[in-house]
Amino acid sequence: MYEAWQKELISQNSYLSSIQDRLVLGIWEERDWKIFMENFNQVYPGFLTHLTGSFDLAEREIRIVCLA
């Protein structure tokens, strides 16, 4: 149930949907991460605020969590 809900949310955002379809992400520049995080926040509003407020994570760890 959760996986279907998550897939539906991501499919509503063309940028995140295109990332999900790629098997290899490659190396991203800061600009790529900025665009990703903006789109991620549209799909999951408040998640990053809650995540960073609850845990002391490095930027790299936050990115990994968001990609998972």
PDB file of N, CA and C in Angstrom:
ATOM      1  N   MET A   1       0.822  -1.190   0.000  1.00  0.00           N
ATOM      2  CA  MET A   1       0.000   0.000   0.000  1.00  0.00           C
ATOM      3  C   MET A   1       0.874   1.265   0.000  1.00  0.00           C
ATOM      4  N   TYR A   2       1.857   1.305   0.902  1.00  0.00           N
ATOM      5  CA  TYR A   2       2.741   2.457   0.982  1.00  0.00           C
ATOM      6  C   TYR A   2       3.500   2.657  -0.319  1.00  0.00           C
ATOM      7  N   GLU A   3       4.005   1.568  -0.893  1.00  0.00           N
ATOM      8  CA  GLU A   3       4.777   1.680  -2.139  1.00  0.00           C
ATOM      9  C   GLU A   3       3.924   2.237  -3.270  1.00  0.00           C
ATOM     10  N   ALA A   4       2.675   1.827  -3.346  1.00  0.00           N
ATOM     11  CA  ALA A   4       1.782   2.337  -4.385  1.00  0.00           C
ATOM     12  C   ALA A   4       1.511   3.827  -4.176  1.00  0.00           C
ATOM     13  N   TRP A   5       1.319   4.228  -2.927  1.00  0.00           N
ATOM     14  CA  TRP A   5       1.081   5.632  -2.609  1.00  0.00           C
ATOM     15  C   TRP A   5       2.302   6.477  -2.967  1.00  0.00           C
ATOM     16  N   GLN A   6       3.486   5.987  -2.591  1.00  0.00           N
ATOM     17  CA  GLN A   6       4.720   6.704  -2.884  1.00  0.00           C
ATOM     18  C   GLN A   6       4.937   6.821  -4.395  1.00  0.00           C
ATOM     19  N   LYS A   7       4.713   5.748  -5.108  1.00  0.00           N
ATOM     20  CA  LYS A   7       4.894   5.762  -6.564  1.00  0.00           C
ATOM     21  C   LYS A   7       3.932   6.765  -7.206  1.00  0.00           C
ATOM     22  N   GLU A   8       2.717   6.847  -6.709  1.00  0.00           N
ATOM     23  CA  GLU A   8       1.733   7.786  -7.234  1.00  0.00           C
ATOM     24  C   GLU A   8       2.177   9.229  -6.978  1.00  0.00           C
ATOM     25  N   LEU A   9       2.679   9.514  -5.784  1.00  0.00           N
ATOM     26  CA  LEU A   9       3.158  10.863  -5.483  1.00  0.00           C
ATOM     27  C   LEU A   9       4.300  11.255  -6.405  1.00  0.00           C
ATOM     28  N   ILE A  10       5.253  10.361  -6.579  1.00  0.00           N
ATOM     29  CA  ILE A  10       6.411  10.648  -7.422  1.00  0.00           C
ATOM     30  C   ILE A  10       5.993  10.811  -8.880  1.00  0.00           C
ATOM     31  N   SER A  11       5.045  10.006  -9.320  1.00  0.00           N
ATOM     32  CA  SER A  11       4.620  10.091 -10.721  1.00  0.00           C
ATOM     33  C   SER A  11       3.957  11.428 -11.043  1.00  0.00           C
ATOM     34  N   GLN A  12       3.484  12.143 -10.038  1.00  0.00           N
ATOM     35  CA  GLN A  12       2.855  13.445 -10.250  1.00  0.00           C
ATOM     36  C   GLN A  12       3.881  14.558 -10.462  1.00  0.00           C
ATOM     37  N   ASN A  13       5.152  14.244 -10.238  1.00  0.00           N
ATOM     38  CA  ASN A  13       6.222  15.223 -10.436  1.00  0.00           C
ATOM     39  C   ASN A  13       7.133  14.694 -11.541  1.00  0.00           C
ATOM     40  N   SER A  14       7.131  15.346 -12.674  1.00  0.00           N
ATOM     41  CA  SER A  14       7.867  14.817 -13.834  1.00  0.00           C
ATOM     42  C   SER A  14       9.367  14.722 -13.582  1.00  0.00           C
ATOM     43  N   TYR A  15       9.922  15.646 -12.806  1.00  0.00           N
ATOM     44  CA  TYR A  15      11.363  15.610 -12.527  1.00  0.00           C
ATOM     45  C   TYR A  15      11.718  14.390 -11.696  1.00  0.00           C
ATOM     46  N   LEU A  16      11.008  14.173 -10.592  1.00  0.00           N
ATOM     47  CA  LEU A  16      11.291  13.015  -9.742  1.00  0.00           C
ATOM     48  C   LEU A  16      10.991  11.711 -10.462  1.00  0.00           C
ATOM     49  N   SER A  17       9.971  11.721 -11.277  1.00  0.00           N
ATOM     50  CA  SER A  17       9.626  10.530 -12.043  1.00  0.00           C
ATOM     51  C   SER A  17      10.749  10.155 -13.006  1.00  0.00           C
ATOM     52  N   SER A  18      11.362  11.145 -13.641  1.00  0.00           N
ATOM     53  CA  SER A  18      12.450  10.848 -14.577  1.00  0.00           C
ATOM     54  C   SER A  18      13.677  10.307 -13.844  1.00  0.00           C
ATOM     55  N   ILE A  19      13.915  10.770 -12.633  1.00  0.00           N
ATOM     56  CA  ILE A  19      15.041  10.250 -11.843  1.00  0.00           C
ATOM     57  C   ILE A  19      14.778   8.803 -11.454  1.00  0.00           C
ATOM     58  N   GLN A  20      13.571   8.527 -11.065  1.00  0.00           N
ATOM     59  CA  GLN A  20      13.223   7.165 -10.655  1.00  0.00           C
ATOM     60  C   GLN A  20      13.397   6.182 -11.806  1.00  0.00           C
ATOM     61  N   ASP A  21      13.191   6.632 -13.020  1.00  0.00           N
ATOM     62  CA  ASP A  21      13.302   5.762 -14.184  1.00  0.00           C
ATOM     63  C   ASP A  21      14.746   5.458 -14.572  1.00  0.00           C
ATOM     64  N   ARG A  22      15.697   6.279 -14.120  1.00  0.00           N
ATOM     65  CA  ARG A  22      17.111   6.056 -14.441  1.00  0.00           C
ATOM     66  C   ARG A  22      17.716   5.027 -13.501  1.00  0.00           C
ATOM     67  N   LEU A  23      18.541   4.146 -14.027  1.00  0.00           N
ATOM     68  CA  LEU A  23      19.199   3.148 -13.194  1.00  0.00           C
ATOM     69  C   LEU A  23      20.454   3.700 -12.533  1.00  0.00           C
ATOM     70  N   VAL A  24      21.155   4.589 -13.210  1.00  0.00           N
ATOM     71  CA  VAL A  24      22.389   5.164 -12.690  1.00  0.00           C
ATOM     72  C   VAL A  24      22.211   6.671 -12.615  1.00  0.00           C
ATOM     73  N   LEU A  25      22.435   7.231 -11.432  1.00  0.00           N
ATOM     74  CA  LEU A  25      22.260   8.665 -11.264  1.00  0.00           C
ATOM     75  C   LEU A  25      23.458   9.462 -11.757  1.00  0.00           C
ATOM     76  N   GLY A  26      24.632   8.871 -11.711  1.00  0.00           N
ATOM     77  CA  GLY A  26      25.820   9.604 -12.111  1.00  0.00           C
ATOM     78  C   GLY A  26      26.231  10.587 -11.027  1.00  0.00           C
ATOM     79  N   ILE A  27      27.096  11.506 -11.387  1.00  0.00           N
ATOM     80  CA  ILE A  27      27.567  12.500 -10.430  1.00  0.00           C
ATOM     81  C   ILE A  27      26.776  13.784 -10.634  1.00  0.00           C
ATOM     82  N   TRP A  28      26.199  14.269  -9.564  1.00  0.00           N
ATOM     83  CA  TRP A  28      25.389  15.477  -9.626  1.00  0.00           C
ATOM     84  C   TRP A  28      26.187  16.676  -9.154  1.00  0.00           C
ATOM     85  N   GLU A  29      25.957  17.776  -9.802  1.00  0.00           N
ATOM     86  CA  GLU A  29      26.511  19.066  -9.380  1.00  0.00           C
ATOM     87  C   GLU A  29      25.559  19.666  -8.339  1.00  0.00           C
ATOM     88  N   GLU A  30      25.997  20.715  -7.682  1.00  0.00           N
ATOM     89  CA  GLU A  30      25.152  21.375  -6.678  1.00  0.00           C
ATOM     90  C   GLU A  30      23.826  21.836  -7.280  1.00  0.00           C
ATOM     91  N   ARG A  31      23.874  22.307  -8.510  1.00  0.00           N
ATOM     92  CA  ARG A  31      22.646  22.743  -9.201  1.00  0.00           C
ATOM     93  C   ARG A  31      21.647  21.591  -9.327  1.00  0.00           C
ATOM     94  N   ASP A  32      22.149  20.390  -9.644  1.00  0.00           N
ATOM     95  CA  ASP A  32      21.290  19.210  -9.764  1.00  0.00           C
ATOM     96  C   ASP A  32      20.616  18.900  -8.431  1.00  0.00           C
ATOM     97  N   TRP A  33      21.391  18.976  -7.350  1.00  0.00           N
ATOM     98  CA  TRP A  33      20.831  18.704  -6.025  1.00  0.00           C
ATOM     99  C   TRP A  33      19.793  19.751  -5.640  1.00  0.00           C
ATOM    100  N   LYS A  34      20.041  21.005  -5.988  1.00  0.00           N
ATOM    101  CA  LYS A  34      19.089  22.068  -5.672  1.00  0.00           C
ATOM    102  C   LYS A  34      17.756  21.804  -6.365  1.00  0.00           C
ATOM    103  N   ILE A  35      17.802  21.462  -7.628  1.00  0.00           N
ATOM    104  CA  ILE A  35      16.579  21.166  -8.385  1.00  0.00           C
ATOM    105  C   ILE A  35      15.877  19.943  -7.799  1.00  0.00           C
ATOM    106  N   PHE A  36      16.659  18.913  -7.471  1.00  0.00           N
ATOM    107  CA  PHE A  36      16.082  17.711  -6.881  1.00  0.00           C
ATOM    108  C   PHE A  36      15.367  18.034  -5.574  1.00  0.00           C
ATOM    109  N   MET A  37      16.038  18.786  -4.692  1.00  0.00           N
ATOM    110  CA  MET A  37      15.450  19.095  -3.387  1.00  0.00           C
ATOM    111  C   MET A  37      14.198  19.952  -3.528  1.00  0.00           C
ATOM    112  N   GLU A  38      14.183  20.878  -4.476  1.00  0.00           N
ATOM    113  CA  GLU A  38      12.984  21.686  -4.708  1.00  0.00           C
ATOM    114  C   GLU A  38      11.812  20.801  -5.117  1.00  0.00           C
ATOM    115  N   ASN A  39      12.064  19.862  -6.015  1.00  0.00           N
ATOM    116  CA  ASN A  39      11.007  18.947  -6.450  1.00  0.00           C
ATOM    117  C   ASN A  39      10.612  17.992  -5.330  1.00  0.00           C
ATOM    118  N   PHE A  40      11.579  17.525  -4.574  1.00  0.00           N
ATOM    119  CA  PHE A  40      11.302  16.641  -3.448  1.00  0.00           C
ATOM    120  C   PHE A  40      10.385  17.341  -2.444  1.00  0.00           C
ATOM    121  N   ASN A  41      10.657  18.609  -2.153  1.00  0.00           N
ATOM    122  CA  ASN A  41       9.833  19.378  -1.221  1.00  0.00           C
ATOM    123  C   ASN A  41       8.411  19.579  -1.729  1.00  0.00           C
ATOM    124  N   GLN A  42       8.230  19.634  -3.026  1.00  0.00           N
ATOM    125  CA  GLN A  42       6.883  19.755  -3.589  1.00  0.00           C
ATOM    126  C   GLN A  42       6.081  18.479  -3.346  1.00  0.00           C
ATOM    127  N   VAL A  43       6.750  17.342  -3.478  1.00  0.00           N
ATOM    128  CA  VAL A  43       6.068  16.057  -3.326  1.00  0.00           C
ATOM    129  C   VAL A  43       5.903  15.694  -1.848  1.00  0.00           C
ATOM    130  N   TYR A  44       6.908  16.004  -1.039  1.00  0.00           N
ATOM    131  CA  TYR A  44       6.890  15.667   0.388  1.00  0.00           C
ATOM    132  C   TYR A  44       7.071  16.932   1.228  1.00  0.00           C
ATOM    133  N   PRO A  45       6.068  17.815   1.248  1.00  0.00           N
ATOM    134  CA  PRO A  45       6.211  19.065   1.993  1.00  0.00           C
ATOM    135  C   PRO A  45       6.388  18.797   3.495  1.00  0.00           C
ATOM    136  N   GLY A  46       7.347  19.488   4.090  1.00  0.00           N
ATOM    137  CA  GLY A  46       7.586  19.365   5.521  1.00  0.00           C
ATOM    138  C   GLY A  46       8.506  18.238   5.929  1.00  0.00           C
ATOM    139  N   PHE A  47       8.788  17.319   5.030  1.00  0.00           N
ATOM    140  CA  PHE A  47       9.625  16.170   5.382  1.00  0.00           C
ATOM    141  C   PHE A  47      11.027  16.594   5.792  1.00  0.00           C
ATOM    142  N   LEU A  48      11.645  17.446   4.988  1.00  0.00           N
ATOM    143  CA  LEU A  48      13.016  17.869   5.292  1.00  0.00           C
ATOM    144  C   LEU A  48      13.082  18.668   6.588  1.00  0.00           C
ATOM    145  N   THR A  49      12.097  19.495   6.839  1.00  0.00           N
ATOM    146  CA  THR A  49      12.057  20.259   8.083  1.00  0.00           C
ATOM    147  C   THR A  49      11.978  19.315   9.273  1.00  0.00           C
ATOM    148  N   HIS A  50      11.124  18.328   9.177  1.00  0.00           N
ATOM    149  CA  HIS A  50      10.998  17.342  10.253  1.00  0.00           C
ATOM    150  C   HIS A  50      12.278  16.522  10.394  1.00  0.00           C
ATOM    151  N   LEU A  51      12.849  16.091   9.287  1.00  0.00           N
ATOM    152  CA  LEU A  51      14.058  15.275   9.302  1.00  0.00           C
ATOM    153  C   LEU A  51      15.220  16.020   9.955  1.00  0.00           C
ATOM    154  N   THR A  52      15.456  17.246   9.507  1.00  0.00           N
ATOM    155  CA  THR A  52      16.587  18.001  10.043  1.00  0.00           C
ATOM    156  C   THR A  52      16.327  18.495  11.463  1.00  0.00           C
ATOM    157  N   GLY A  53      15.077  18.637  11.824  1.00  0.00           N
ATOM    158  CA  GLY A  53      14.742  19.029  13.192  1.00  0.00           C
ATOM    159  C   GLY A  53      14.861  17.874  14.171  1.00  0.00           C
ATOM    160  N   SER A  54      14.732  16.660  13.667  1.00  0.00           N
ATOM    161  CA  SER A  54      14.769  15.477  14.524  1.00  0.00           C
ATOM    162  C   SER A  54      16.139  14.821  14.607  1.00  0.00           C
ATOM    163  N   PHE A  55      16.948  15.010  13.582  1.00  0.00           N
ATOM    164  CA  PHE A  55      18.236  14.334  13.517  1.00  0.00           C
ATOM    165  C   PHE A  55      19.326  15.309  13.093  1.00  0.00           C
ATOM    166  N   ASP A  56      20.512  15.106  13.613  1.00  0.00           N
ATOM    167  CA  ASP A  56      21.671  15.910  13.238  1.00  0.00           C
ATOM    168  C   ASP A  56      22.390  15.193  12.093  1.00  0.00           C
ATOM    169  N   LEU A  57      21.995  15.508  10.873  1.00  0.00           N
ATOM    170  CA  LEU A  57      22.528  14.820   9.699  1.00  0.00           C
ATOM    171  C   LEU A  57      23.378  15.757   8.856  1.00  0.00           C
ATOM    172  N   ALA A  58      24.401  15.205   8.253  1.00  0.00           N
ATOM    173  CA  ALA A  58      25.209  15.952   7.287  1.00  0.00           C
ATOM    174  C   ALA A  58      24.412  16.074   5.986  1.00  0.00           C
ATOM    175  N   GLU A  59      24.782  17.028   5.168  1.00  0.00           N
ATOM    176  CA  GLU A  59      24.098  17.235   3.879  1.00  0.00           C
ATOM    177  C   GLU A  59      24.078  15.955   3.047  1.00  0.00           C
ATOM    178  N   ARG A  60      25.173  15.243   3.023  1.00  0.00           N
ATOM    179  CA  ARG A  60      25.260  13.984   2.264  1.00  0.00           C
ATOM    180  C   ARG A  60      24.253  12.960   2.783  1.00  0.00           C
ATOM    181  N   GLU A  61      24.100  12.879   4.084  1.00  0.00           N
ATOM    182  CA  GLU A  61      23.148  11.929   4.683  1.00  0.00           C
ATOM    183  C   GLU A  61      21.713  12.311   4.349  1.00  0.00           C
ATOM    184  N   ILE A  62      21.426  13.588   4.348  1.00  0.00           N
ATOM    185  CA  ILE A  62      20.077  14.067   3.990  1.00  0.00           C
ATOM    186  C   ILE A  62      19.772  13.683   2.546  1.00  0.00           C
ATOM    187  N   ARG A  63      20.742  13.865   1.671  1.00  0.00           N
ATOM    188  CA  ARG A  63      20.547  13.517   0.259  1.00  0.00           C
ATOM    189  C   ARG A  63      20.286  12.036   0.091  1.00  0.00           C
ATOM    190  N   ILE A  64      21.020  11.215   0.823  1.00  0.00           N
ATOM    191  CA  ILE A  64      20.838   9.756   0.744  1.00  0.00           C
ATOM    192  C   ILE A  64      19.436   9.381   1.207  1.00  0.00           C
ATOM    193  N   VAL A  65      18.999   9.946   2.308  1.00  0.00           N
ATOM    194  CA  VAL A  65      17.653   9.658   2.820  1.00  0.00           C
ATOM    195  C   VAL A  65      16.597  10.039   1.785  1.00  0.00           C
ATOM    196  N   CYS A  66      16.754  11.178   1.157  1.00  0.00           N
ATOM    197  CA  CYS A  66      15.769  11.644   0.170  1.00  0.00           C
ATOM    198  C   CYS A  66      15.758  10.782  -1.085  1.00  0.00           C
ATOM    199  N   LEU A  67      16.891  10.253  -1.453  1.00  0.00           N
ATOM    200  CA  LEU A  67      16.938   9.372  -2.627  1.00  0.00           C
ATOM    201  C   LEU A  67      16.344   8.004  -2.353  1.00  0.00           C
ATOM    202  N   ALA A  68      16.376   7.585  -1.107  1.00  0.00           N
ATOM    203  CA  ALA A  68      15.859   6.257  -0.752  1.00  0.00           C
ATOM    204  C   ALA A  68      14.375   6.305  -0.801  1.00  0.00           C
TER     205      ALA A  68
END
